Amino acid sequence: MSENVIFQLAGAGILAAFFVIFFGKMAAQKRQGMRTSLLRRGGKSRRVFVTELTLKVLVFAVYGAQIASIALDTHADILWLRVAGAFVALAGVAVFGVAVRTMADSWRTEIPEGETENRTEVETANRTDNGRTELVTRGIFRISRNPAFLGFDLMFAGVAAMFFNPVLAALTVGTAIVYHLQILQEERFLTATFGAPYTEYMARTRRYLGRRRPRLN
């Protein structure tokens, strides 16, 4: 089996694993009567809606470019870059899978503005016995406020390194930028929703990866 075929099989396997997690979770929530995608929910500001719509278009464009790049085996002739990309992409799938599992049924793909029970990405909100909501900062959310977005970025960047071409690279960078804008909007929403508990969470956990040292008074 040639080296190129091995990378093609690896790339296809990485995408397949990612799609199983992503679309499998959406299907499972749909069977339970839950809406994962909140893009067309009312009450959204124009800025939030445009960002979410742009992100959704870019994400599916990246998926198409990834599939085409793997099928055509487009790549830079740099072996170490392709190997590193494979490990980064695998890490991204793993991080995304853990994040989705930790969020459980609270996972959503857009900001539920105007709602109090459904939360997106970050710590999410789970119902408690008394009907109130609480921030979930356990598990992987202890070291990243946005592990699902981090998983997306790692997977996209890894596949782009494995099957580098200008179109895939441009779409990957553009998607990462819009993801960041989405995160900033979510932070404003979550700060307004949770107040001090969320700002305290922001103070001790970094946006993408890492813990902050507590400030000394």
Protein backbone atom coordinates (compact mmCIF):
# COMPACT_ATOMS: atom_id res chain seq x y z
CA MET A 1 0.00 0.00 0.00
CA SER A 2 1.46 3.36 -1.03
CA GLU A 3 2.09 6.23 1.36
CA ASN A 4 -0.49 8.40 -0.38
CA VAL A 5 -3.19 5.75 -0.05
CA ILE A 6 -2.42 5.42 3.66
CA PHE A 7 -2.94 9.15 4.13
CA GLN A 8 -6.15 9.05 2.10
CA LEU A 9 -7.50 6.23 4.25
CA ALA A 10 -6.43 8.05 7.41
CA GLY A 11 -8.09 11.26 6.24
CA ALA A 12 -11.30 9.46 5.32
CA GLY A 13 -11.32 7.71 8.69
CA ILE A 14 -10.83 10.97 10.58
CA LEU A 15 -13.68 12.66 8.72
CA ALA A 16 -15.92 9.62 9.18
CA ALA A 17 -15.29 9.59 12.94
CA PHE A 18 -16.00 13.31 13.17
CA PHE A 19 -19.21 13.05 11.16
CA VAL A 20 -20.41 10.12 13.27
CA ILE A 21 -20.01 12.22 16.42
CA PHE A 22 -21.45 15.42 14.95
CA PHE A 23 -24.39 14.14 12.96
CA GLY A 24 -24.96 11.18 15.28
CA LYS A 25 -25.45 13.54 18.21
CA MET A 26 -27.81 15.73 16.19
CA ALA A 27 -29.85 12.67 15.17
CA ALA A 28 -30.00 11.40 18.76
CA GLN A 29 -31.25 14.76 20.01
CA LYS A 30 -33.81 14.95 17.22
CA ARG A 31 -35.20 11.56 18.23
CA GLN A 32 -35.67 12.99 21.73
CA GLY A 33 -37.54 15.98 20.32
CA MET A 34 -34.64 18.39 20.85
CA ARG A 35 -33.50 21.05 18.39
CA THR A 36 -29.73 21.10 17.97
CA SER A 37 -29.63 23.84 15.35
CA LEU A 38 -31.09 27.15 16.56
CA LEU A 39 -30.17 29.21 13.50
CA ARG A 40 -33.73 30.25 12.67
CA ARG A 41 -34.86 30.81 16.23
CA GLY A 42 -36.56 34.18 16.74
CA GLY A 43 -35.17 36.99 18.86
CA LYS A 44 -31.68 37.00 17.39
CA SER A 45 -29.88 40.22 16.56
CA ARG A 46 -28.89 40.73 12.95
CA ARG A 47 -25.20 40.47 13.84
CA VAL A 48 -25.65 37.11 15.58
CA PHE A 49 -27.78 35.70 12.76
CA VAL A 50 -25.31 36.81 10.03
CA THR A 51 -22.35 35.36 11.93
CA GLU A 52 -24.10 32.04 12.48
CA LEU A 53 -25.28 31.81 8.87
CA THR A 54 -21.81 32.66 7.53
CA LEU A 55 -20.26 30.06 9.82
CA LYS A 56 -22.69 27.36 8.73
CA VAL A 57 -22.00 28.06 5.04
CA LEU A 58 -18.23 28.04 5.61
CA VAL A 59 -18.31 24.84 7.62
CA PHE A 60 -20.14 22.91 4.94
CA ALA A 61 -17.83 24.44 2.31
CA VAL A 62 -14.86 23.14 4.31
CA TYR A 63 -16.44 19.68 4.52
CA GLY A 64 -16.80 19.65 0.73
CA ALA A 65 -13.23 20.87 0.21
CA GLN A 66 -11.92 18.26 2.64
CA ILE A 67 -13.70 15.42 0.89
CA ALA A 68 -12.52 16.62 -2.54
CA SER A 69 -8.95 17.11 -1.29
CA ILE A 70 -8.81 13.62 0.19
CA ALA A 71 -10.28 12.06 -2.98
CA LEU A 72 -7.80 13.94 -5.20
CA ASP A 73 -4.96 13.51 -2.69
CA THR A 74 -3.82 17.11 -2.98
CA HIS A 75 -0.89 17.75 -0.63
CA ALA A 76 2.42 19.47 -0.11
CA ASP A 77 5.27 17.02 -0.57
CA ILE A 78 6.36 17.32 3.07
CA LEU A 79 5.99 14.06 4.97
CA TRP A 80 6.42 15.46 8.49
CA LEU A 81 3.69 18.04 7.83
CA ARG A 82 1.23 15.35 6.77
CA VAL A 83 2.07 13.16 9.77
CA ALA A 84 1.74 16.09 12.16
CA GLY A 85 -1.54 17.03 10.51
CA ALA A 86 -2.89 13.52 11.08
CA PHE A 87 -2.11 13.67 14.80
CA VAL A 88 -3.59 17.18 15.11
CA ALA A 89 -6.76 16.11 13.30
CA LEU A 90 -7.11 13.01 15.50
CA ALA A 91 -6.67 15.19 18.58
CA GLY A 92 -9.39 17.49 17.28
CA VAL A 93 -11.84 14.62 16.84
CA ALA A 94 -11.06 13.37 20.35
CA VAL A 95 -11.47 16.82 21.93
CA PHE A 96 -14.74 17.39 20.07
CA GLY A 97 -16.08 13.99 21.10
CA VAL A 98 -15.28 14.57 24.78
CA ALA A 99 -16.81 18.06 24.65
CA VAL A 100 -20.05 16.81 23.09
CA ARG A 101 -20.27 13.99 25.63
CA THR A 102 -19.72 16.42 28.51
CA MET A 103 -22.38 18.81 27.20
CA ALA A 104 -24.79 15.89 26.91
CA ASP A 105 -28.29 17.03 25.86
CA SER A 106 -27.42 20.72 26.30
CA TRP A 107 -25.36 20.83 23.11
CA ARG A 108 -26.56 23.35 20.52
CA THR A 109 -24.88 24.69 17.39
CA GLU A 110 -26.04 28.32 17.62
CA ILE A 111 -26.77 30.92 20.30
CA PRO A 112 -30.25 30.52 21.84
CA GLU A 113 -30.84 34.24 22.39
CA GLY A 114 -33.90 34.98 24.46
CA GLU A 115 -33.94 31.47 25.96
CA THR A 116 -32.85 30.34 29.43
CA GLU A 117 -32.90 26.57 29.25
CA ASN A 118 -30.79 25.80 26.18
CA ARG A 119 -27.14 26.79 26.06
CA THR A 120 -24.50 26.56 23.37
CA GLU A 121 -20.85 25.48 23.24
CA VAL A 122 -19.11 26.54 26.42
CA GLU A 123 -20.17 25.16 29.85
CA THR A 124 -23.85 24.96 28.77
CA ALA A 125 -26.68 24.89 31.27
CA ASN A 126 -28.36 21.82 32.70
CA ARG A 127 -31.69 21.67 34.46
CA THR A 128 -31.49 21.00 38.19
CA ASP A 129 -34.15 19.46 40.39
CA ASN A 130 -35.47 22.85 41.47
CA GLY A 131 -35.82 24.06 37.88
CA ARG A 132 -32.90 26.46 38.03
CA THR A 133 -29.90 26.32 35.71
CA GLU A 134 -26.25 25.91 36.55
CA LEU A 135 -22.98 26.32 34.70
CA VAL A 136 -21.20 23.12 33.81
CA THR A 137 -17.46 23.61 34.20
CA ARG A 138 -16.43 20.04 34.89
CA GLY A 139 -14.25 17.73 32.85
CA ILE A 140 -12.72 19.17 29.73
CA PHE A 141 -14.42 22.51 30.45
CA ARG A 142 -11.98 22.96 33.33
CA ILE A 143 -9.19 23.58 30.82
CA SER A 144 -11.10 25.13 27.92
CA ARG A 145 -14.18 27.32 27.77
CA ASN A 146 -14.77 26.26 24.16
CA PRO A 147 -13.57 22.66 23.71
CA ALA A 148 -16.00 21.87 20.88
CA PHE A 149 -14.77 24.87 18.87
CA LEU A 150 -11.19 23.88 19.73
CA GLY A 151 -11.91 20.40 18.40
CA PHE A 152 -13.31 21.85 15.17
CA ASP A 153 -10.25 24.07 14.69
CA LEU A 154 -7.79 21.23 15.34
CA MET A 155 -9.57 18.83 13.02
CA PHE A 156 -9.86 21.38 10.20
CA ALA A 157 -6.23 22.50 10.58
CA GLY A 158 -4.97 18.92 10.71
CA VAL A 159 -6.79 17.83 7.55
CA ALA A 160 -5.62 21.02 5.80
CA ALA A 161 -2.02 20.09 6.67
CA MET A 162 -2.51 16.51 5.44
CA PHE A 163 -4.09 17.55 2.11
CA PHE A 164 -2.84 21.08 1.63
CA ASN A 165 -4.15 23.17 -1.25
CA PRO A 166 -4.92 26.92 -1.46
CA VAL A 167 -8.72 26.53 -1.48
CA LEU A 168 -8.82 24.24 1.56
CA ALA A 169 -6.30 26.42 3.41
CA ALA A 170 -8.29 29.61 2.74
CA LEU A 171 -11.58 28.03 3.83
CA THR A 172 -9.95 26.64 6.97
CA VAL A 173 -8.54 30.04 7.98
CA GLY A 174 -11.82 31.80 7.18
CA THR A 175 -13.80 29.30 9.25
CA ALA A 176 -11.45 29.69 12.23
CA ILE A 177 -11.93 33.47 12.11
CA VAL A 178 -15.73 33.22 12.04
CA TYR A 179 -15.62 30.60 14.82
CA HIS A 180 -13.77 33.16 16.93
CA LEU A 181 -16.44 35.79 16.22
CA GLN A 182 -19.08 33.24 17.22
CA ILE A 183 -17.24 32.60 20.49
CA LEU A 184 -17.11 36.33 21.28
CA GLN A 185 -20.87 36.58 20.73
CA GLU A 186 -21.49 33.57 22.94
CA GLU A 187 -19.39 35.12 25.67
CA ARG A 188 -21.55 38.24 25.66
CA PHE A 189 -24.69 36.11 25.76
CA LEU A 190 -23.42 33.89 28.58
CA THR A 191 -22.17 36.85 30.60
CA ALA A 192 -25.60 38.46 30.36
CA THR A 193 -27.30 35.16 31.24
CA PHE A 194 -25.14 33.92 34.11
CA GLY A 195 -23.46 37.10 35.38
CA ALA A 196 -20.78 36.72 38.07
CA PRO A 197 -20.46 32.89 37.95
CA TYR A 198 -19.57 33.08 34.28
CA THR A 199 -17.13 36.00 34.64
CA GLU A 200 -15.43 34.06 37.44
CA TYR A 201 -15.23 31.05 35.15
CA MET A 202 -13.67 33.25 32.45
CA ALA A 203 -11.13 34.49 34.98
CA ARG A 204 -9.83 31.00 35.77
CA THR A 205 -10.24 29.16 32.44
CA ARG A 206 -8.83 30.31 29.13
CA ARG A 207 -10.94 30.72 26.01
CA TYR A 208 -9.25 27.92 24.07
CA LEU A 209 -6.86 26.00 26.30
CA GLY A 210 -5.33 26.37 29.74
CA ARG A 211 -5.98 27.49 33.27
CA ARG A 212 -5.18 30.93 34.65
CA ARG A 213 -3.41 31.44 37.93
CA PRO A 214 -5.56 33.18 40.51
CA ARG A 215 -4.62 36.80 41.06
CA LEU A 216 -3.07 37.66 44.38
CA ASN A 217 -4.75 40.49 46.25
